[in-house]
């Protein structure tokens, strides 16, 4: 099995900012969510944790690592998408300053390349070598970002561009892949904690 964990709530999430490569910290709630994710992973015999080196993902992975006593490795290609000119902006700021570009983004979807940044196609290319080395029989965890998790699912053909948005992945949700197919999503649930 392979477990894809979205990082805990970040300061950027709280402020509704598109923080792709902007390196923001976890919020206090994000730290609690990471502990819940660790608890959810504890009984699954995890062998390795791989994480984006960005603070919000790395801290999430550290907390999970402490919970399940498994070492982690930071992997550069697991960083979030570079939003280019939109980095660290709110949607409202983007609409105000870059209306034609936001229209292009909406119309082009995953093929859109952020000016001075990346496209989802770029992420898929960037992660492909690493993902080819991952064996889902090893019970590995990847702690990363929404865009990277979506790109992994697209790369594995677990989803396609038409049904990708059918899968809501909130902070510290765990996407369980069995033979590269989505088996389930373990929600970060406070009620069971």
N, C-alpha and C. Protein backbone atom coordinates (compact mmCIF):
# COMPACT_ATOMS: atom_id res chain seq x y z
N UNK A 1 0.84 -1.18 0.00
CA UNK A 1 0.00 0.00 0.00
C UNK A 1 0.88 1.25 0.00
N UNK A 2 0.34 2.29 -0.56
CA UNK A 2 0.99 3.59 -0.55
C UNK A 2 0.00 4.58 0.04
N UNK A 3 0.47 5.39 0.97
CA UNK A 3 -0.39 6.33 1.67
C UNK A 3 0.06 7.75 1.34
N UNK A 4 -0.83 8.52 0.71
CA UNK A 4 -0.55 9.90 0.34
C UNK A 4 -1.23 10.82 1.35
N UNK A 5 -0.43 11.60 2.07
CA UNK A 5 -0.97 12.46 3.14
C UNK A 5 -0.79 13.92 2.72
N UNK A 6 -1.88 14.66 2.71
CA UNK A 6 -1.77 16.10 2.50
C UNK A 6 -1.34 16.72 3.82
N UNK A 7 -0.44 17.69 3.75
CA UNK A 7 0.06 18.34 4.97
C UNK A 7 -1.08 18.92 5.80
N UNK A 8 -0.80 19.18 7.07
CA UNK A 8 -1.77 19.80 7.96
C UNK A 8 -2.04 21.25 7.56
N UNK A 9 -3.06 21.81 8.18
CA UNK A 9 -3.43 23.19 7.88
C UNK A 9 -2.22 24.11 8.10
N UNK A 10 -1.97 24.96 7.11
CA UNK A 10 -0.84 25.89 7.20
C UNK A 10 -1.36 27.31 7.46
N UNK A 11 -0.43 28.19 7.76
CA UNK A 11 -0.78 29.61 7.91
C UNK A 11 -1.33 30.13 6.58
N UNK A 12 -0.78 29.66 5.47
CA UNK A 12 -1.30 30.03 4.15
C UNK A 12 -2.73 29.58 3.95
N UNK A 13 -3.06 28.34 4.38
CA UNK A 13 -4.44 27.87 4.29
C UNK A 13 -5.37 28.75 5.10
N UNK A 14 -4.94 29.10 6.31
CA UNK A 14 -5.75 29.96 7.17
C UNK A 14 -6.07 31.29 6.50
N UNK A 15 -5.08 31.84 5.80
CA UNK A 15 -5.23 33.14 5.16
C UNK A 15 -5.71 33.04 3.72
N UNK A 16 -6.07 31.82 3.30
CA UNK A 16 -6.60 31.57 1.95
C UNK A 16 -5.66 32.04 0.85
N UNK A 17 -4.36 31.76 1.06
CA UNK A 17 -3.34 32.15 0.09
C UNK A 17 -2.85 30.93 -0.68
N UNK A 18 -2.56 31.13 -1.94
CA UNK A 18 -2.01 30.09 -2.79
C UNK A 18 -0.50 30.05 -2.56
N UNK A 19 -0.09 29.22 -1.63
CA UNK A 19 1.32 29.13 -1.23
C UNK A 19 1.92 27.87 -1.82
N UNK A 20 2.21 27.89 -3.09
CA UNK A 20 2.84 26.75 -3.72
C UNK A 20 4.22 26.51 -3.12
N UNK A 21 5.22 27.22 -3.64
CA UNK A 21 6.58 27.07 -3.14
C UNK A 21 6.89 28.05 -2.01
N UNK A 22 5.93 28.92 -1.68
CA UNK A 22 6.11 29.81 -0.53
C UNK A 22 6.15 28.95 0.72
N UNK A 23 7.21 29.10 1.50
CA UNK A 23 7.46 28.18 2.61
C UNK A 23 6.83 28.69 3.90
N UNK A 24 5.60 28.24 4.16
CA UNK A 24 4.85 28.70 5.33
C UNK A 24 4.78 27.59 6.38
N UNK A 25 4.58 27.99 7.62
CA UNK A 25 4.51 27.07 8.76
C UNK A 25 3.13 26.43 8.88
N UNK A 26 3.08 25.34 9.63
CA UNK A 26 1.80 24.76 10.03
C UNK A 26 1.13 25.67 11.05
N UNK A 27 -0.19 25.68 11.04
CA UNK A 27 -0.93 26.33 12.12
C UNK A 27 -0.98 25.37 13.31
N UNK A 28 -1.47 25.84 14.44
CA UNK A 28 -1.64 24.95 15.60
C UNK A 28 -2.60 23.81 15.27
N UNK A 29 -3.67 24.13 14.56
CA UNK A 29 -4.61 23.08 14.15
C UNK A 29 -3.94 22.08 13.22
N UNK A 30 -3.05 22.57 12.36
CA UNK A 30 -2.31 21.69 11.46
C UNK A 30 -1.47 20.68 12.22
N UNK A 31 -0.91 21.11 13.35
CA UNK A 31 -0.11 20.19 14.17
C UNK A 31 -0.99 19.11 14.80
N UNK A 32 -2.18 19.50 15.23
CA UNK A 32 -3.13 18.52 15.77
C UNK A 32 -3.55 17.54 14.67
N UNK A 33 -3.81 18.07 13.47
CA UNK A 33 -4.19 17.21 12.35
C UNK A 33 -3.08 16.21 12.04
N UNK A 34 -1.83 16.65 12.09
CA UNK A 34 -0.71 15.76 11.82
C UNK A 34 -0.65 14.63 12.84
N UNK A 35 -0.93 14.95 14.10
CA UNK A 35 -0.96 13.92 15.15
C UNK A 35 -2.08 12.91 14.87
N UNK A 36 -3.22 13.41 14.41
CA UNK A 36 -4.33 12.51 14.05
C UNK A 36 -3.92 11.61 12.89
N UNK A 37 -3.26 12.18 11.88
CA UNK A 37 -2.80 11.37 10.75
C UNK A 37 -1.84 10.29 11.24
N UNK A 38 -0.93 10.66 12.14
CA UNK A 38 0.00 9.68 12.71
C UNK A 38 -0.73 8.56 13.43
N UNK A 39 -1.74 8.93 14.20
CA UNK A 39 -2.54 7.93 14.90
C UNK A 39 -3.24 7.00 13.91
N UNK A 40 -3.75 7.59 12.81
CA UNK A 40 -4.43 6.78 11.79
C UNK A 40 -3.47 5.84 11.07
N UNK A 41 -2.20 6.22 11.00
CA UNK A 41 -1.20 5.40 10.30
C UNK A 41 -0.51 4.38 11.23
N UNK A 42 -0.67 4.56 12.52
CA UNK A 42 0.08 3.78 13.51
C UNK A 42 -0.10 2.27 13.34
N UNK A 43 -1.27 1.84 13.04
CA UNK A 43 -1.56 0.39 12.99
C UNK A 43 -1.29 -0.22 11.61
N UNK A 44 -0.67 0.54 10.69
CA UNK A 44 -0.57 0.08 9.30
C UNK A 44 0.82 -0.44 8.90
N UNK A 45 1.72 -0.60 9.85
CA UNK A 45 3.03 -1.18 9.58
C UNK A 45 3.78 -0.43 8.48
N UNK A 46 3.90 0.88 8.66
CA UNK A 46 4.57 1.75 7.69
C UNK A 46 6.08 1.50 7.75
N UNK A 47 6.72 1.46 6.56
CA UNK A 47 8.16 1.19 6.52
C UNK A 47 8.99 2.45 6.27
N UNK A 48 8.41 3.45 5.59
CA UNK A 48 9.19 4.64 5.23
C UNK A 48 8.26 5.84 5.05
N UNK A 49 8.75 7.01 5.41
CA UNK A 49 8.02 8.26 5.17
C UNK A 49 8.88 9.13 4.26
N UNK A 50 8.28 9.57 3.16
CA UNK A 50 8.91 10.53 2.26
C UNK A 50 8.13 11.83 2.35
N UNK A 51 8.82 12.96 2.30
CA UNK A 51 8.12 14.22 2.47
C UNK A 51 8.69 15.32 1.58
N UNK A 52 7.83 16.24 1.26
CA UNK A 52 8.28 17.50 0.66
C UNK A 52 9.14 18.21 1.69
N UNK A 53 10.18 18.93 1.25
CA UNK A 53 11.00 19.67 2.21
C UNK A 53 10.38 20.98 2.68
N UNK A 54 9.26 21.39 2.09
CA UNK A 54 8.62 22.64 2.53
C UNK A 54 8.10 22.48 3.96
N UNK A 55 8.22 23.53 4.77
CA UNK A 55 7.96 23.47 6.22
C UNK A 55 6.64 22.82 6.58
N UNK A 56 5.57 23.18 5.89
CA UNK A 56 4.24 22.67 6.27
C UNK A 56 4.15 21.16 6.10
N UNK A 57 4.78 20.63 5.06
CA UNK A 57 4.78 19.18 4.86
C UNK A 57 5.81 18.50 5.75
N UNK A 58 6.99 19.09 5.84
CA UNK A 58 8.05 18.48 6.63
C UNK A 58 7.65 18.36 8.11
N UNK A 59 7.05 19.41 8.65
CA UNK A 59 6.61 19.37 10.06
C UNK A 59 5.51 18.33 10.24
N UNK A 60 4.60 18.25 9.27
CA UNK A 60 3.56 17.21 9.32
C UNK A 60 4.21 15.83 9.36
N UNK A 61 5.20 15.61 8.50
CA UNK A 61 5.90 14.32 8.44
C UNK A 61 6.66 14.04 9.73
N UNK A 62 7.26 15.08 10.32
CA UNK A 62 7.97 14.91 11.60
C UNK A 62 7.03 14.43 12.69
N UNK A 63 5.87 15.05 12.76
CA UNK A 63 4.88 14.67 13.79
C UNK A 63 4.41 13.24 13.55
N UNK A 64 4.14 12.89 12.30
CA UNK A 64 3.73 11.51 11.97
C UNK A 64 4.86 10.55 12.33
N UNK A 65 6.09 10.92 11.99
CA UNK A 65 7.26 10.08 12.28
C UNK A 65 7.38 9.79 13.78
N UNK A 66 7.16 10.81 14.59
CA UNK A 66 7.21 10.62 16.04
C UNK A 66 6.11 9.68 16.52
N UNK A 67 4.93 9.80 15.91
CA UNK A 67 3.79 8.96 16.30
C UNK A 67 4.02 7.49 15.97
N UNK A 68 4.63 7.22 14.80
CA UNK A 68 4.72 5.83 14.34
C UNK A 68 6.15 5.27 14.39
N UNK A 69 7.10 6.09 14.86
CA UNK A 69 8.50 5.65 15.01
C UNK A 69 9.09 5.12 13.70
N UNK A 70 8.92 5.91 12.65
CA UNK A 70 9.49 5.57 11.35
C UNK A 70 10.26 6.79 10.85
N UNK A 71 11.44 6.56 10.29
CA UNK A 71 12.27 7.66 9.81
C UNK A 71 11.67 8.28 8.55
N UNK A 72 12.07 9.55 8.32
CA UNK A 72 11.57 10.24 7.14
C UNK A 72 12.72 10.73 6.29
N UNK A 73 12.42 10.92 5.00
CA UNK A 73 13.38 11.45 4.04
C UNK A 73 12.72 12.58 3.27
N UNK A 74 13.39 13.74 3.21
CA UNK A 74 12.89 14.86 2.41
C UNK A 74 13.27 14.64 0.95
N UNK A 75 12.30 14.79 0.07
CA UNK A 75 12.48 14.56 -1.36
C UNK A 75 12.09 15.84 -2.10
N UNK A 76 13.04 16.43 -2.77
CA UNK A 76 12.85 17.74 -3.43
C UNK A 76 11.69 17.76 -4.42
N UNK A 77 11.52 16.70 -5.19
CA UNK A 77 10.49 16.71 -6.24
C UNK A 77 9.07 16.70 -5.68
N UNK A 78 8.91 16.50 -4.37
CA UNK A 78 7.57 16.46 -3.76
C UNK A 78 7.07 17.84 -3.34
N UNK A 79 7.83 18.89 -3.67
CA UNK A 79 7.36 20.26 -3.38
C UNK A 79 6.09 20.56 -4.16
N UNK A 80 5.31 21.48 -3.62
CA UNK A 80 4.07 21.91 -4.28
C UNK A 80 4.38 22.63 -5.58
N UNK A 81 3.36 22.79 -6.39
CA UNK A 81 3.48 23.51 -7.66
C UNK A 81 3.96 24.94 -7.42
N UNK A 82 4.72 25.45 -8.35
CA UNK A 82 5.14 26.85 -8.32
C UNK A 82 4.04 27.65 -9.01
N UNK A 83 3.32 28.46 -8.24
CA UNK A 83 2.22 29.26 -8.79
C UNK A 83 2.71 30.51 -9.53
N UNK A 84 4.02 30.69 -9.62
CA UNK A 84 4.57 31.81 -10.39
C UNK A 84 4.06 33.16 -9.90
N UNK A 85 3.47 33.93 -10.80
CA UNK A 85 3.00 35.28 -10.45
C UNK A 85 1.89 35.26 -9.41
N UNK A 86 1.26 34.10 -9.22
CA UNK A 86 0.17 33.99 -8.25
C UNK A 86 0.64 33.58 -6.86
N UNK A 87 1.93 33.31 -6.71
CA UNK A 87 2.44 32.84 -5.42
C UNK A 87 2.03 33.76 -4.28
N UNK A 88 1.51 33.14 -3.23
CA UNK A 88 1.15 33.80 -1.96
C UNK A 88 0.05 34.85 -2.12
N UNK A 89 -0.77 34.71 -3.16
CA UNK A 89 -1.89 35.63 -3.37
C UNK A 89 -3.20 34.93 -3.00
N UNK A 90 -4.21 35.72 -2.67
CA UNK A 90 -5.56 35.17 -2.50
C UNK A 90 -6.23 35.16 -3.88
N UNK A 91 -7.32 34.42 -3.99
CA UNK A 91 -8.07 34.37 -5.25
C UNK A 91 -8.55 35.78 -5.62
N UNK A 92 -9.02 36.52 -4.63
CA UNK A 92 -9.51 37.88 -4.88
C UNK A 92 -8.39 38.78 -5.43
N UNK A 93 -7.19 38.64 -4.88
CA UNK A 93 -6.05 39.43 -5.39
C UNK A 93 -5.70 39.04 -6.82
N UNK A 94 -5.78 37.76 -7.12
CA UNK A 94 -5.50 37.30 -8.48
C UNK A 94 -6.51 37.88 -9.46
N UNK A 95 -7.80 37.82 -9.09
CA UNK A 95 -8.84 38.35 -9.96
C UNK A 95 -8.65 39.84 -10.21
N UNK A 96 -8.25 40.56 -9.19
CA UNK A 96 -8.07 42.01 -9.30
C UNK A 96 -6.86 42.35 -10.17
N UNK A 97 -5.74 41.65 -9.95
CA UNK A 97 -4.49 42.01 -10.62
C UNK A 97 -4.24 41.26 -11.93
N UNK A 98 -4.85 40.09 -12.09
CA UNK A 98 -4.54 39.25 -13.26
C UNK A 98 -5.80 38.59 -13.82
N UNK A 99 -6.83 39.35 -14.09
CA UNK A 99 -8.11 38.80 -14.53
C UNK A 99 -7.97 37.91 -15.76
N UNK A 100 -7.24 38.35 -16.78
CA UNK A 100 -7.12 37.54 -18.00
C UNK A 100 -6.38 36.23 -17.72
N UNK A 101 -5.38 36.27 -16.84
CA UNK A 101 -4.65 35.04 -16.51
C UNK A 101 -5.51 34.08 -15.70
N UNK A 102 -6.34 34.59 -14.78
CA UNK A 102 -7.23 33.68 -14.04
C UNK A 102 -8.24 33.04 -14.99
N UNK A 103 -8.69 33.80 -15.99
CA UNK A 103 -9.59 33.23 -17.00
C UNK A 103 -8.88 32.11 -17.78
N UNK A 104 -7.62 32.35 -18.15
CA UNK A 104 -6.83 31.32 -18.84
C UNK A 104 -6.70 30.07 -17.99
N UNK A 105 -6.44 30.26 -16.69
CA UNK A 105 -6.29 29.14 -15.76
C UNK A 105 -7.58 28.32 -15.73
N UNK A 106 -8.70 29.00 -15.58
CA UNK A 106 -9.99 28.31 -15.52
C UNK A 106 -10.26 27.55 -16.82
N UNK A 107 -9.97 28.18 -17.95
CA UNK A 107 -10.26 27.57 -19.25
C UNK A 107 -9.31 26.42 -19.60
N UNK A 108 -8.05 26.52 -19.21
CA UNK A 108 -7.07 25.52 -19.59
C UNK A 108 -6.91 24.40 -18.56
N UNK A 109 -7.37 24.62 -17.35
CA UNK A 109 -7.30 23.58 -16.32
C UNK A 109 -5.88 23.11 -16.06
N UNK A 110 -5.70 21.79 -16.09
CA UNK A 110 -4.41 21.20 -15.74
C UNK A 110 -3.31 21.47 -16.76
N UNK A 111 -3.69 21.91 -17.94
CA UNK A 111 -2.67 22.23 -18.94
C UNK A 111 -2.12 23.64 -18.76
N UNK A 112 -2.76 24.43 -17.93
CA UNK A 112 -2.33 25.81 -17.72
C UNK A 112 -0.97 25.87 -17.02
N UNK A 113 -0.08 26.66 -17.57
CA UNK A 113 1.23 26.88 -16.94
C UNK A 113 1.20 28.26 -16.32
N UNK A 114 1.39 28.31 -14.99
CA UNK A 114 1.39 29.59 -14.30
C UNK A 114 2.55 30.44 -14.82
N UNK A 115 2.29 31.69 -15.20
CA UNK A 115 3.39 32.55 -15.67
C UNK A 115 4.50 32.62 -14.63
N UNK A 116 5.72 32.35 -15.06
CA UNK A 116 6.91 32.29 -14.20
C UNK A 116 6.83 31.14 -13.21
N UNK A 117 5.98 30.16 -13.50
CA UNK A 117 5.81 29.01 -12.61
C UNK A 117 5.72 27.71 -13.38
N UNK A 118 4.87 26.79 -12.90
CA UNK A 118 4.75 25.45 -13.46
C UNK A 118 3.32 25.16 -13.86
N UNK A 119 3.15 24.03 -14.54
CA UNK A 119 1.84 23.45 -14.81
C UNK A 119 1.77 22.12 -14.07
N UNK A 120 0.58 21.53 -14.02
CA UNK A 120 0.46 20.21 -13.42
C UNK A 120 1.23 19.18 -14.25
N UNK A 121 1.32 19.40 -15.54
CA UNK A 121 2.10 18.52 -16.40
C UNK A 121 3.57 18.55 -15.98
N UNK A 122 4.06 19.74 -15.60
CA UNK A 122 5.43 19.87 -15.09
C UNK A 122 5.62 19.06 -13.80
N UNK A 123 4.62 19.10 -12.92
CA UNK A 123 4.73 18.32 -11.67
C UNK A 123 4.82 16.83 -11.99
N UNK A 124 3.95 16.37 -12.87
CA UNK A 124 3.94 14.95 -13.22
C UNK A 124 5.31 14.54 -13.75
N UNK A 125 5.89 15.37 -14.59
CA UNK A 125 7.22 15.07 -15.13
C UNK A 125 8.26 15.06 -14.01
N UNK A 126 8.16 16.01 -13.10
CA UNK A 126 9.13 16.15 -12.01
C UNK A 126 9.08 14.96 -11.04
N UNK A 127 7.89 14.40 -10.78
CA UNK A 127 7.75 13.32 -9.81
C UNK A 127 7.92 11.93 -10.41
N UNK A 128 7.92 11.83 -11.74
CA UNK A 128 7.83 10.51 -12.39
C UNK A 128 8.98 9.56 -12.00
N UNK A 129 10.22 10.03 -12.02
CA UNK A 129 11.33 9.14 -11.67
C UNK A 129 11.21 8.63 -10.24
N UNK A 130 10.87 9.53 -9.33
CA UNK A 130 10.72 9.13 -7.93
C UNK A 130 9.58 8.12 -7.76
N UNK A 131 8.44 8.40 -8.40
CA UNK A 131 7.29 7.51 -8.25
C UNK A 131 7.56 6.14 -8.86
N UNK A 132 8.38 6.08 -9.89
CA UNK A 132 8.73 4.78 -10.48
C UNK A 132 9.54 3.91 -9.51
N UNK A 133 10.21 4.55 -8.55
CA UNK A 133 11.03 3.80 -7.58
C UNK A 133 10.22 3.32 -6.38
N UNK A 134 9.05 3.90 -6.18
CA UNK A 134 8.23 3.54 -5.02
C UNK A 134 7.50 2.23 -5.28
N UNK A 135 7.62 1.33 -4.35
CA UNK A 135 6.93 0.05 -4.44
C UNK A 135 5.81 0.07 -3.41
N UNK A 136 4.57 -0.01 -3.87
CA UNK A 136 3.46 0.10 -2.91
C UNK A 136 3.34 -1.11 -1.99
N UNK A 137 4.17 -2.14 -2.21
CA UNK A 137 4.20 -3.26 -1.27
C UNK A 137 4.97 -2.90 0.00
N UNK A 138 5.70 -1.78 -0.05
CA UNK A 138 6.54 -1.38 1.08
C UNK A 138 5.79 -0.60 2.17
N UNK A 139 4.51 -0.32 1.96
CA UNK A 139 3.74 0.48 2.93
C UNK A 139 4.43 1.80 3.23
N UNK A 140 4.68 2.57 2.19
CA UNK A 140 5.31 3.87 2.34
C UNK A 140 4.27 4.98 2.46
N UNK A 141 4.69 6.05 3.12
CA UNK A 141 3.87 7.26 3.25
C UNK A 141 4.57 8.38 2.50
N UNK A 142 3.80 9.13 1.74
CA UNK A 142 4.29 10.35 1.10
C UNK A 142 3.49 11.51 1.68
N UNK A 143 4.19 12.44 2.34
CA UNK A 143 3.55 13.64 2.89
C UNK A 143 3.87 14.77 1.93
N UNK A 144 2.83 15.34 1.34
CA UNK A 144 3.08 16.36 0.33
C UNK A 144 1.92 17.37 0.31
N UNK A 145 1.59 17.81 -0.88
CA UNK A 145 0.67 18.93 -1.07
C UNK A 145 -0.46 18.51 -2.00
N UNK A 146 -1.53 19.29 -1.98
CA UNK A 146 -2.73 18.98 -2.77
C UNK A 146 -2.39 18.76 -4.24
N UNK A 147 -1.66 19.71 -4.84
CA UNK A 147 -1.33 19.61 -6.26
C UNK A 147 -0.45 18.42 -6.57
N UNK A 148 0.48 18.10 -5.69
CA UNK A 148 1.36 16.95 -5.90
C UNK A 148 0.58 15.65 -5.76
N UNK A 149 -0.29 15.56 -4.78
CA UNK A 149 -1.11 14.36 -4.61
C UNK A 149 -1.99 14.16 -5.84
N UNK A 150 -2.61 15.24 -6.32
CA UNK A 150 -3.41 15.13 -7.55
C UNK A 150 -2.54 14.64 -8.71
N UNK A 151 -1.32 15.15 -8.79
CA UNK A 151 -0.42 14.77 -9.88
C UNK A 151 0.00 13.31 -9.77
N UNK A 152 0.22 12.82 -8.55
CA UNK A 152 0.55 11.40 -8.36
C UNK A 152 -0.63 10.54 -8.83
N UNK A 153 -1.84 10.93 -8.46
CA UNK A 153 -3.03 10.18 -8.88
C UNK A 153 -3.17 10.18 -10.40
N UNK A 154 -2.88 11.31 -11.03
CA UNK A 154 -2.93 11.38 -12.49
C UNK A 154 -1.82 10.54 -13.12
N UNK A 155 -0.62 10.60 -12.55
CA UNK A 155 0.52 9.84 -13.06
C UNK A 155 0.24 8.34 -13.02
N UNK A 156 -0.32 7.88 -11.92
CA UNK A 156 -0.65 6.46 -11.77
C UNK A 156 -1.92 6.06 -12.53
N UNK A 157 -2.60 7.05 -13.11
CA UNK A 157 -3.87 6.82 -13.80
C UNK A 157 -4.94 6.28 -12.84
N UNK A 158 -4.79 6.64 -11.56
CA UNK A 158 -5.80 6.31 -10.56
C UNK A 158 -7.06 7.14 -10.81
N UNK A 159 -6.85 8.31 -11.40
CA UNK A 159 -7.93 9.22 -11.78
C UNK A 159 -7.57 9.77 -13.15
N UNK A 160 -8.53 10.48 -13.74
CA UNK A 160 -8.24 11.20 -14.97
C UNK A 160 -8.68 12.66 -14.78
N UNK A 161 -8.44 13.47 -15.79
CA UNK A 161 -8.74 14.89 -15.66
C UNK A 161 -10.23 15.16 -15.44
N UNK A 162 -11.09 14.25 -15.88
CA UNK A 162 -12.53 14.45 -15.73
C UNK A 162 -13.04 14.15 -14.33
N UNK A 163 -12.44 13.16 -13.64
CA UNK A 163 -12.97 12.79 -12.33
C UNK A 163 -12.07 13.17 -11.16
N UNK A 164 -10.95 13.84 -11.44
CA UNK A 164 -10.01 14.19 -10.38
C UNK A 164 -10.66 14.99 -9.26
N UNK A 165 -11.52 15.93 -9.62
CA UNK A 165 -12.13 16.81 -8.61
C UNK A 165 -13.25 16.13 -7.83
N UNK A 166 -13.55 14.87 -8.19
CA UNK A 166 -14.52 14.10 -7.40
C UNK A 166 -13.93 13.69 -6.05
N UNK A 167 -12.60 13.77 -5.92
CA UNK A 167 -11.90 13.36 -4.71
C UNK A 167 -11.46 14.60 -3.93
N UNK A 168 -12.16 14.87 -2.85
CA UNK A 168 -11.81 15.99 -1.98
C UNK A 168 -10.75 15.53 -0.99
N UNK A 169 -9.63 16.21 -1.00
CA UNK A 169 -8.52 15.83 -0.12
C UNK A 169 -8.20 17.03 0.77
N UNK A 170 -8.65 16.96 2.01
CA UNK A 170 -8.45 18.04 2.96
C UNK A 170 -7.14 17.85 3.70
N UNK A 171 -6.79 18.82 4.51
CA UNK A 171 -5.55 18.75 5.28
C UNK A 171 -5.50 17.49 6.12
N UNK A 172 -4.40 16.75 5.99
CA UNK A 172 -4.09 15.51 6.71
C UNK A 172 -5.02 14.35 6.39
N UNK A 173 -5.79 14.45 5.32
CA UNK A 173 -6.48 13.27 4.81
C UNK A 173 -5.43 12.33 4.24
N UNK A 174 -5.72 11.05 4.26
CA UNK A 174 -4.79 10.02 3.78
C UNK A 174 -5.46 9.29 2.62
N UNK A 175 -4.86 9.41 1.43
CA UNK A 175 -5.35 8.68 0.26
C UNK A 175 -4.62 7.33 0.25
N UNK A 176 -5.39 6.26 0.33
CA UNK A 176 -4.83 4.91 0.38
C UNK A 176 -4.84 4.34 -1.03
N UNK A 177 -3.64 4.03 -1.54
CA UNK A 177 -3.51 3.43 -2.86
C UNK A 177 -3.12 1.96 -2.72
N UNK A 178 -3.87 1.12 -3.37
CA UNK A 178 -3.58 -0.31 -3.41
C UNK A 178 -3.36 -0.67 -4.87
N UNK A 179 -2.13 -1.07 -5.21
CA UNK A 179 -1.78 -1.35 -6.59
C UNK A 179 -2.09 -0.15 -7.50
N UNK A 180 -1.76 1.04 -6.99
CA UNK A 180 -1.89 2.32 -7.70
C UNK A 180 -3.34 2.76 -7.94
N UNK A 181 -4.27 2.11 -7.30
CA UNK A 181 -5.69 2.49 -7.39
C UNK A 181 -6.16 3.00 -6.04
N UNK A 182 -7.07 3.97 -6.06
CA UNK A 182 -7.60 4.51 -4.81
C UNK A 182 -8.49 3.47 -4.14
N UNK A 183 -8.08 3.07 -2.95
CA UNK A 183 -8.89 2.13 -2.18
C UNK A 183 -9.88 2.89 -1.30
N UNK A 184 -9.38 3.96 -0.67
CA UNK A 184 -10.24 4.80 0.18
C UNK A 184 -9.47 6.06 0.56
N UNK A 185 -10.18 6.99 1.15
CA UNK A 185 -9.57 8.19 1.72
C UNK A 185 -9.91 8.20 3.21
N UNK A 186 -8.88 8.18 4.04
CA UNK A 186 -9.08 8.25 5.49
C UNK A 186 -9.12 9.74 5.85
N UNK A 187 -10.27 10.19 6.28
CA UNK A 187 -10.46 11.60 6.60
C UNK A 187 -9.81 11.91 7.95
N UNK A 188 -9.30 13.13 8.06
CA UNK A 188 -8.73 13.60 9.33
C UNK A 188 -9.90 13.97 10.23
N UNK A 189 -10.29 13.04 11.07
CA UNK A 189 -11.54 13.17 11.80
C UNK A 189 -11.28 13.38 13.30
N UNK A 190 -11.67 14.53 13.77
CA UNK A 190 -11.50 14.85 15.20
C UNK A 190 -12.40 13.99 16.08
N UNK A 191 -13.55 13.58 15.57
CA UNK A 191 -14.50 12.84 16.38
C UNK A 191 -13.96 11.49 16.83
N UNK A 192 -13.08 10.90 16.01
CA UNK A 192 -12.53 9.59 16.36
C UNK A 192 -11.20 9.70 17.10
N UNK A 193 -10.78 10.90 17.43
CA UNK A 193 -9.47 11.09 18.03
C UNK A 193 -9.58 11.24 19.53
